[in-house]
Each structure stands twice: as C-alpha cells, then as structure tokens.
Amino acid sequence: MARSGTLRECAFGAFRPAMGNVRWLLSLMLPISLGVALLQHWGVLAWMAGGLSPMFRMMGLPGEAAVIFVSGASAGTYAGIAAMMAIPLTMRQATILGVMIALCHALPMECAVNRMTGSSPGGMALLRVVMAMVAAICLNAVLPDMAVHYIYMGAPAESDLQEVLLTWVVSQVRVSVVMVAVIYTLMVVQRVIESRGWLGIISRWLSPLMALFGLKGSCAYMWLVGNVLGISYGAAVMREMIDRKIVTYEEANDVNYHLVMNHSLLEDTIVFALTGISALWLVATRVLLAMAVVWGRRLMATAISLLPSAGRRHFPFVRRGHSCGR
C-alpha cells in the first residue's frame, strides 16, 4: 500500500484478508475446542493425567496437579486456573503450576496455528511440554516457602452433556465475535502503520530488544502483537505479512520459537496475578526461557552447519526457512 493511504482505504483493504484469517482460525479452533470439552466431560483428561502424577510429585506438586496441567495444556489458561481453584494448593505450588500453564496451554489449537505460520506442530508441542517441566523443576529448587494458600473454590459441579455443549456453543459465539473485532482492527492498524512508514520506525525502536532476544528487527511488529494479544491473533498478522512478503517463513518461524515460550504476556500475567501469583516469577521465567530457546537454537544451527552434509539430515528441527501448507 502506498504511503499516502487514507484510513478509509486501509479499513477497506483490510476487510477481506481479516475475514479470511477469521475463517482460518475458526476452522482450527472450533473442532479442537469441542473435542477438548468432550474429552474433559467424559473424564479422558483426568485418565491421561493419572499416569503423570508420580512425575508431578517430584516437582513439589501434589499428584492432582497432573489433572490441572493436562486441563490447561489442552483447553487453555482459564481452564487451567479453574482446575487450580478446584484443588487445595499452597501459593508456592500454585506459582509453579501457573508458570507451567503459562508456558504450555491450549496446545492443540496453538500448535495447529504454529503450523500455518511455518513451524512444526509436533516440535512446538514437545518443546513447550519439556520446557514447562524444566521450569517446574527449577522453580521447585529456588522458590521460597509460601505459607499463604491459593484460592480454593471446591470441586466444580458435574454437568450433563447437554449443558457442556450449550456452554461450548455460547463461549464459541462470544470468542468468534471478539475475534472478528480484534483481527480486523489489527489488520487496519497494520495497514495504517505501513502506509505511514511507521513499521520501520517500530522495528528500529525495538531492534535492540529483538537483538537481545536473538530475532531480526523485521520481526518487531509480529513479536509485539504476539506478546500483547497472543499466538492466535499474532498468527493472523504473521500470516498476512508472509502472504504480502513483508517477512519470510524463516523469520516467522524464528518468532514462533520465542512466542511459544513468551506470548500473551500482558493478559496471562494479569490473569494469574489477580489470583495472587507473583507477576515477577511469571514474566522473568518466560522471558528467560524464550531467550534460552531462541539463542540455543541459533547456536545449535551454527554448530550443525559445520557438520558434513550427511550429518545435517539428523537435525531437521533447526532447518531454516522451510515452507508450510495453508
């Protein structure tokens, strides 16, 4: 778009791609969220969590924490928080679980979104689960004792299948309305920023931070959207920028590796902090792990590039710039 584009032109030009991205996200989110809701209702998630109980006890958490983690990892942050409030926990245990859920929530949906912007969904899921476990082990070693107890609201009432489906429909209608508004607004803002020549200014202003994180300056706007609004909305902007060749799949993939550790930083931190969990532990842990992942991947890619070509085939997870399906 030309630099002289008016707000009306930006709003008109953003409508079609915004609606296309809404359809794309809903085609991922609706079946996945319905599947998770049904699995939770039928007790499958609790059954899956049972085998993880011994591992969670090693992290200083009760065996029931496995149910909380699986709920958050499959259904999202709010499901994880609701499960946390249904089990008596100390604030120390809640802090560890809060960080784990912040790192590893809504995996089915968010990993599917990652695939559409250049990253391996299986690789992203494995990375997030492993790093959530690493974070829990580290926090269990360094967190002080916390005598305060976390919010406890007792076990939620049992619901029948009809109530589960009705709740799901109502929640998805609300999410869809919000998604249309947010994504369309983001697309308009993106076009206004480009038409005024502000994208370069934003990139230059954030370039020192991007360099610290191991990312290119061109990734600044994607990083900003992903950290303020999360992976799903960030992916809509990211895909639009890829389609218009503003960024490459390689750059989007690099941002994904950061964002899977540290996205929706504003919302997640506020939500957990309102329940009493320390914002400092949440933010510091996620930022440090995001930096460790991105820089570790870059260092590994450099080391592997020195290997003979036959040896490089064994390390596809550091391959750069691969394309993906739409």
Protein backbone atom coordinates (compact mmCIF):
# COMPACT_ATOMS: atom_id res chain seq x y z
CA MET A 1 0.00 0.00 0.00
CA ALA A 2 1.20 3.48 -0.79
CA ARG A 3 2.45 5.68 2.00
CA SER A 4 -0.39 8.12 1.33
CA GLY A 5 -3.14 5.57 2.02
CA THR A 6 -6.08 7.03 3.98
CA LEU A 7 -7.72 5.40 6.98
CA ARG A 8 -10.73 4.56 4.77
CA GLU A 9 -8.51 2.84 2.22
CA CYS A 10 -6.75 0.90 4.98
CA ALA A 11 -10.07 -0.16 6.50
CA PHE A 12 -11.43 -1.29 3.12
CA GLY A 13 -8.25 -3.13 2.16
CA ALA A 14 -8.10 -4.98 5.49
CA PHE A 15 -11.62 -6.38 5.44
CA ARG A 16 -11.22 -9.33 3.07
CA PRO A 17 -7.92 -10.68 4.47
CA ALA A 18 -9.22 -10.20 8.02
CA MET A 19 -12.33 -12.29 7.33
CA GLY A 20 -10.17 -14.90 5.63
CA ASN A 21 -7.97 -15.14 8.70
CA VAL A 22 -11.03 -15.37 10.98
CA ARG A 23 -12.36 -18.30 8.94
CA TRP A 24 -8.95 -19.95 9.04
CA LEU A 25 -8.63 -19.60 12.83
CA LEU A 26 -12.20 -20.76 13.49
CA SER A 27 -11.67 -23.82 11.29
CA LEU A 28 -8.86 -24.76 13.69
CA MET A 29 -10.35 -23.63 16.97
CA LEU A 30 -13.93 -24.91 16.81
CA PRO A 31 -13.28 -28.65 16.29
CA ILE A 32 -10.32 -28.65 18.68
CA SER A 33 -12.15 -26.80 21.46
CA LEU A 34 -15.20 -29.06 21.08
CA GLY A 35 -13.02 -32.16 21.23
CA VAL A 36 -11.28 -30.94 24.38
CA ALA A 37 -14.59 -30.06 26.05
CA LEU A 38 -15.96 -33.55 25.34
CA LEU A 39 -12.78 -35.28 26.49
CA GLN A 40 -12.88 -33.30 29.72
CA HIS A 41 -16.56 -34.13 30.26
CA TRP A 42 -16.01 -37.86 29.66
CA GLY A 43 -13.07 -37.98 32.07
CA VAL A 44 -10.45 -38.75 29.43
CA LEU A 45 -8.25 -35.84 30.50
CA ALA A 46 -8.32 -36.98 34.12
CA TRP A 47 -7.41 -40.51 32.99
CA MET A 48 -4.49 -39.16 30.94
CA ALA A 49 -3.29 -37.13 33.92
CA GLY A 50 -3.26 -40.17 36.22
CA GLY A 51 -0.05 -41.54 34.71
CA LEU A 52 1.73 -38.22 35.25
CA SER A 53 1.07 -37.99 38.99
CA PRO A 54 4.40 -39.52 40.16
CA MET A 55 6.34 -37.06 37.99
CA PHE A 56 4.48 -34.10 39.42
CA ARG A 57 5.19 -35.18 42.97
CA MET A 58 8.91 -34.96 42.08
CA MET A 59 8.33 -31.29 41.23
CA GLY A 60 6.97 -30.49 44.66
CA LEU A 61 3.37 -30.72 43.47
CA PRO A 62 0.51 -32.97 44.58
CA GLY A 63 -0.48 -35.82 42.27
CA GLU A 64 -3.72 -33.99 41.45
CA ALA A 65 -1.63 -31.28 39.80
CA ALA A 66 -1.32 -33.55 36.77
CA VAL A 67 -5.05 -33.05 36.11
CA ILE A 68 -4.55 -29.27 36.32
CA PHE A 69 -1.63 -29.36 33.88
CA VAL A 70 -3.44 -31.55 31.34
CA SER A 71 -6.54 -29.34 31.56
CA GLY A 72 -4.52 -26.18 30.94
CA ALA A 73 -2.33 -27.76 28.25
CA SER A 74 -5.36 -29.00 26.33
CA ALA A 75 -8.07 -26.40 26.96
CA GLY A 76 -6.19 -23.19 27.80
CA THR A 77 -5.17 -20.83 30.58
CA TYR A 78 -8.63 -20.26 32.01
CA ALA A 79 -9.36 -23.99 32.17
CA GLY A 80 -6.07 -24.46 34.00
CA ILE A 81 -6.87 -21.69 36.50
CA ALA A 82 -10.35 -23.13 37.09
CA ALA A 83 -8.79 -26.54 37.79
CA MET A 84 -6.24 -24.93 40.14
CA MET A 85 -9.05 -23.39 42.19
CA ALA A 86 -10.76 -26.79 42.49
CA ILE A 87 -7.81 -28.36 44.36
CA PRO A 88 -6.29 -27.12 47.65
CA LEU A 89 -2.84 -25.68 46.85
CA THR A 90 -0.22 -23.58 48.58
CA MET A 91 0.83 -20.36 46.85
CA ARG A 92 4.21 -21.98 46.14
CA GLN A 93 2.54 -24.89 44.35
CA ALA A 94 0.20 -22.51 42.52
CA THR A 95 3.18 -20.41 41.34
CA ILE A 96 4.89 -23.47 39.86
CA LEU A 97 1.67 -24.61 38.17
CA GLY A 98 0.91 -21.08 36.95
CA VAL A 99 4.27 -20.87 35.18
CA MET A 100 3.78 -24.34 33.69
CA ILE A 101 0.35 -23.43 32.31
CA ALA A 102 1.59 -20.06 31.03
CA LEU A 103 4.28 -21.93 29.08
CA CYS A 104 2.15 -24.84 27.99
CA HIS A 105 -1.52 -24.03 27.41
CA ALA A 106 -4.02 -24.68 24.61
CA LEU A 107 -1.52 -26.91 22.80
CA PRO A 108 -3.89 -28.47 20.22
CA MET A 109 -5.07 -25.10 18.92
CA GLU A 110 -1.89 -23.06 19.24
CA CYS A 111 0.35 -25.74 17.73
CA ALA A 112 -2.04 -26.01 14.78
CA VAL A 113 -1.73 -22.24 14.38
CA ASN A 114 2.08 -22.53 14.55
CA ARG A 115 1.99 -24.98 11.65
CA MET A 116 0.21 -22.43 9.46
CA THR A 117 2.98 -19.91 10.05
CA GLY A 118 5.97 -22.10 9.29
CA SER A 119 6.68 -24.29 12.33
CA SER A 120 6.33 -27.98 13.19
CA PRO A 121 3.28 -28.52 15.44
CA GLY A 122 4.74 -31.67 16.98
CA GLY A 123 8.07 -29.98 17.61
CA MET A 124 6.41 -26.97 19.21
CA ALA A 125 4.23 -29.16 21.45
CA LEU A 126 7.21 -31.22 22.60
CA LEU A 127 9.29 -28.09 23.21
CA ARG A 128 6.60 -26.48 25.33
CA VAL A 129 5.93 -29.58 27.44
CA VAL A 130 9.64 -30.17 28.06
CA MET A 131 10.32 -26.53 28.96
CA ALA A 132 7.30 -26.45 31.28
CA MET A 133 8.77 -29.44 33.13
CA VAL A 134 12.21 -27.81 33.21
CA ALA A 135 10.69 -24.61 34.60
CA ALA A 136 8.83 -26.55 37.30
CA ILE A 137 11.99 -28.38 38.41
CA CYS A 138 13.98 -25.12 38.55
CA LEU A 139 11.27 -23.24 40.42
CA ASN A 140 10.88 -26.08 42.91
CA ALA A 141 14.60 -25.70 43.65
CA VAL A 142 14.65 -21.90 44.09
CA LEU A 143 11.20 -20.79 45.28
CA PRO A 144 10.99 -19.93 48.98
CA ASP A 145 8.32 -21.40 51.22
CA MET A 146 4.99 -19.58 50.93
CA ALA A 147 2.64 -20.05 53.85
CA VAL A 148 -0.29 -18.40 52.07
CA HIS A 149 -2.81 -20.71 50.40
CA TYR A 150 -4.09 -20.28 46.86
CA ILE A 151 -7.76 -19.58 46.13
CA TYR A 152 -9.84 -22.72 46.72
CA MET A 153 -13.41 -22.88 45.45
CA GLY A 154 -14.08 -26.60 45.77
CA ALA A 155 -14.80 -29.11 43.03
CA PRO A 156 -16.97 -27.80 40.18
CA ALA A 157 -20.48 -29.19 39.89
CA GLU A 158 -20.99 -32.06 37.47
CA SER A 159 -22.66 -31.11 34.21
CA ASP A 160 -24.53 -33.32 31.78
CA LEU A 161 -23.63 -33.49 28.09
CA GLN A 162 -26.34 -31.03 27.06
CA GLU A 163 -25.01 -28.40 29.48
CA VAL A 164 -21.45 -28.99 28.26
CA LEU A 165 -22.49 -28.49 24.62
CA LEU A 166 -24.59 -25.41 25.42
CA THR A 167 -21.72 -23.86 27.37
CA TRP A 168 -19.37 -24.61 24.48
CA VAL A 169 -21.68 -23.02 21.88
CA VAL A 170 -22.18 -19.85 23.94
CA SER A 171 -18.44 -19.50 24.63
CA GLN A 172 -17.50 -20.00 20.97
CA VAL A 173 -20.03 -17.44 19.76
CA ARG A 174 -18.51 -14.90 22.16
CA VAL A 175 -14.98 -15.82 21.09
CA SER A 176 -15.93 -15.51 17.41
CA VAL A 177 -17.38 -12.02 17.84
CA VAL A 178 -14.30 -10.85 19.74
CA MET A 179 -12.03 -12.48 17.17
CA VAL A 180 -13.66 -10.65 14.24
CA ALA A 181 -13.30 -7.32 16.02
CA VAL A 182 -9.72 -7.85 17.17
CA ILE A 183 -8.32 -9.31 13.94
CA TYR A 184 -10.00 -6.71 11.72
CA THR A 185 -8.72 -3.92 13.96
CA LEU A 186 -5.21 -5.39 13.89
CA MET A 187 -5.26 -5.61 10.09
CA VAL A 188 -6.37 -1.99 9.79
CA VAL A 189 -3.70 -0.85 12.25
CA GLN A 190 -1.07 -2.85 10.37
CA ARG A 191 -2.00 -1.16 7.09
CA VAL A 192 -2.06 2.30 8.66
CA ILE A 193 1.40 1.66 10.14
CA GLU A 194 2.71 0.56 6.74
CA SER A 195 1.08 3.43 4.83
CA ARG A 196 2.60 6.00 7.18
CA GLY A 197 6.01 4.36 7.11
CA TRP A 198 5.87 3.58 10.84
CA LEU A 199 6.77 -0.11 10.53
CA GLY A 200 10.42 0.77 10.01
CA ILE A 201 10.29 3.15 13.00
CA ILE A 202 8.81 0.43 15.24
CA SER A 203 11.42 -2.05 14.04
CA ARG A 204 14.25 0.39 14.72
CA TRP A 205 12.86 1.31 18.14
CA LEU A 206 12.54 -2.33 19.17
CA SER A 207 15.67 -3.55 17.34
CA PRO A 208 17.87 -3.56 20.48
CA LEU A 209 15.28 -5.74 22.23
CA MET A 210 14.98 -8.01 19.17
CA ALA A 211 18.77 -8.36 19.06
CA LEU A 212 18.77 -9.31 22.75
CA PHE A 213 16.13 -11.94 22.03
CA GLY A 214 18.04 -13.30 19.03
CA LEU A 215 15.47 -12.10 16.48
CA LYS A 216 15.71 -9.86 13.41
CA GLY A 217 14.47 -6.26 13.54
CA SER A 218 11.82 -7.09 10.91
CA CYS A 219 10.17 -9.38 13.47
CA ALA A 220 9.38 -6.50 15.85
CA TYR A 221 5.73 -5.96 14.92
CA MET A 222 4.93 -9.70 14.97
CA TRP A 223 6.66 -10.01 18.33
CA LEU A 224 4.72 -7.05 19.71
CA VAL A 225 1.33 -8.38 18.59
CA GLY A 226 2.13 -11.90 19.85
CA ASN A 227 3.18 -10.63 23.26
CA VAL A 228 0.24 -8.29 23.68
CA LEU A 229 -2.54 -10.44 22.19
CA GLY A 230 -1.19 -14.00 21.92
CA ILE A 231 -0.34 -16.65 19.35
CA SER A 232 -3.72 -16.88 17.61
CA TYR A 233 -4.11 -13.16 16.90
CA GLY A 234 -0.38 -12.83 16.31
CA ALA A 235 -0.53 -15.64 13.77
CA ALA A 236 -3.24 -13.81 11.82
CA VAL A 237 -0.95 -10.80 11.50
CA MET A 238 2.04 -13.03 10.82
CA ARG A 239 0.29 -14.92 8.02
CA GLU A 240 -0.84 -11.67 6.44
CA MET A 241 2.74 -10.36 6.49
CA ILE A 242 4.01 -13.63 5.00
CA ASP A 243 1.39 -13.55 2.22
CA ARG A 244 2.42 -10.00 1.34
CA LYS A 245 6.11 -10.93 1.52
CA ILE A 246 6.87 -8.41 4.27
CA VAL A 247 8.51 -11.22 6.25
CA THR A 248 9.70 -14.69 5.28
CA TYR A 249 8.70 -18.09 6.66
CA GLU A 250 12.16 -18.25 8.23
CA GLU A 251 11.55 -15.05 10.18
CA ALA A 252 8.04 -16.15 11.20
CA ASN A 253 9.45 -19.49 12.36
CA ASP A 254 12.07 -17.68 14.46
CA VAL A 255 9.36 -15.58 16.11
CA ASN A 256 7.31 -18.71 16.79
CA TYR A 257 10.15 -20.20 18.83
CA HIS A 258 10.16 -17.12 21.02
CA LEU A 259 6.38 -16.75 21.26
CA VAL A 260 5.67 -20.34 22.29
CA MET A 261 7.60 -19.57 25.46
CA ASN A 262 6.54 -15.97 25.91
CA HIS A 263 3.27 -14.87 24.32
CA SER A 264 0.14 -13.10 25.54
CA LEU A 265 2.40 -11.74 28.24
CA LEU A 266 0.03 -8.93 29.17
CA GLU A 267 -3.19 -10.95 29.53
CA ASP A 268 -1.67 -14.08 31.09
CA THR A 269 0.31 -12.11 33.67
CA ILE A 270 -2.69 -10.00 34.70
CA VAL A 271 -5.00 -13.02 34.96
CA PHE A 272 -2.61 -15.04 37.12
CA ALA A 273 -1.62 -12.00 39.20
CA LEU A 274 -5.29 -11.32 40.02
CA THR A 275 -5.41 -14.76 41.65
CA GLY A 276 -2.36 -13.94 43.80
CA ILE A 277 0.51 -15.46 41.78
CA SER A 278 3.67 -13.34 41.53
CA ALA A 279 3.93 -11.48 38.21
CA LEU A 280 7.72 -11.32 38.66
CA TRP A 281 8.15 -15.10 38.65
CA LEU A 282 5.79 -15.48 35.68
CA VAL A 283 7.40 -12.82 33.49
CA ALA A 284 11.04 -13.49 34.39
CA THR A 285 10.75 -17.25 33.86
CA ARG A 286 9.02 -16.94 30.49
CA VAL A 287 11.36 -14.26 29.13
CA LEU A 288 14.48 -16.18 30.20
CA LEU A 289 13.21 -19.44 28.69
CA ALA A 290 12.27 -17.69 25.43
CA MET A 291 15.78 -16.28 25.17
CA ALA A 292 17.31 -19.66 26.02
CA VAL A 293 15.26 -21.41 23.32
CA VAL A 294 15.97 -18.91 20.54
CA TRP A 295 19.67 -18.48 21.31
CA GLY A 296 20.11 -22.22 21.93
CA ARG A 297 18.53 -22.96 18.56
CA ARG A 298 20.77 -20.40 16.83
CA LEU A 299 23.90 -21.80 18.44
CA MET A 300 22.87 -25.34 17.55
CA ALA A 301 22.19 -24.31 13.95
CA THR A 302 25.65 -22.76 13.75
CA ALA A 303 27.27 -25.91 15.15
CA ILE A 304 25.31 -28.19 12.81
CA SER A 305 26.23 -26.04 9.80
CA LEU A 306 29.84 -27.06 10.44
CA LEU A 307 28.96 -30.76 10.12
CA PRO A 308 29.24 -32.67 6.83
CA SER A 309 26.04 -32.51 4.78
CA ALA A 310 25.18 -36.15 5.58
CA GLY A 311 25.15 -35.37 9.29
CA ARG A 312 22.86 -32.35 8.99
CA ARG A 313 19.92 -34.53 7.94
CA HIS A 314 19.61 -35.79 11.51
CA PHE A 315 18.71 -32.31 12.83
CA PRO A 316 15.59 -31.18 10.91
CA PHE A 317 14.29 -29.13 13.87
CA VAL A 318 16.86 -26.42 13.23
CA ARG A 319 16.24 -26.27 9.48
CA ARG A 320 15.63 -22.68 8.45
CA GLY A 321 13.10 -21.18 6.08
CA HIS A 322 11.00 -24.26 5.30
CA SER A 323 7.60 -23.69 3.74
CA CYS A 324 4.30 -24.96 5.07
CA GLY A 325 0.78 -25.68 3.99
CA ARG A 326 -2.04 -23.20 4.23
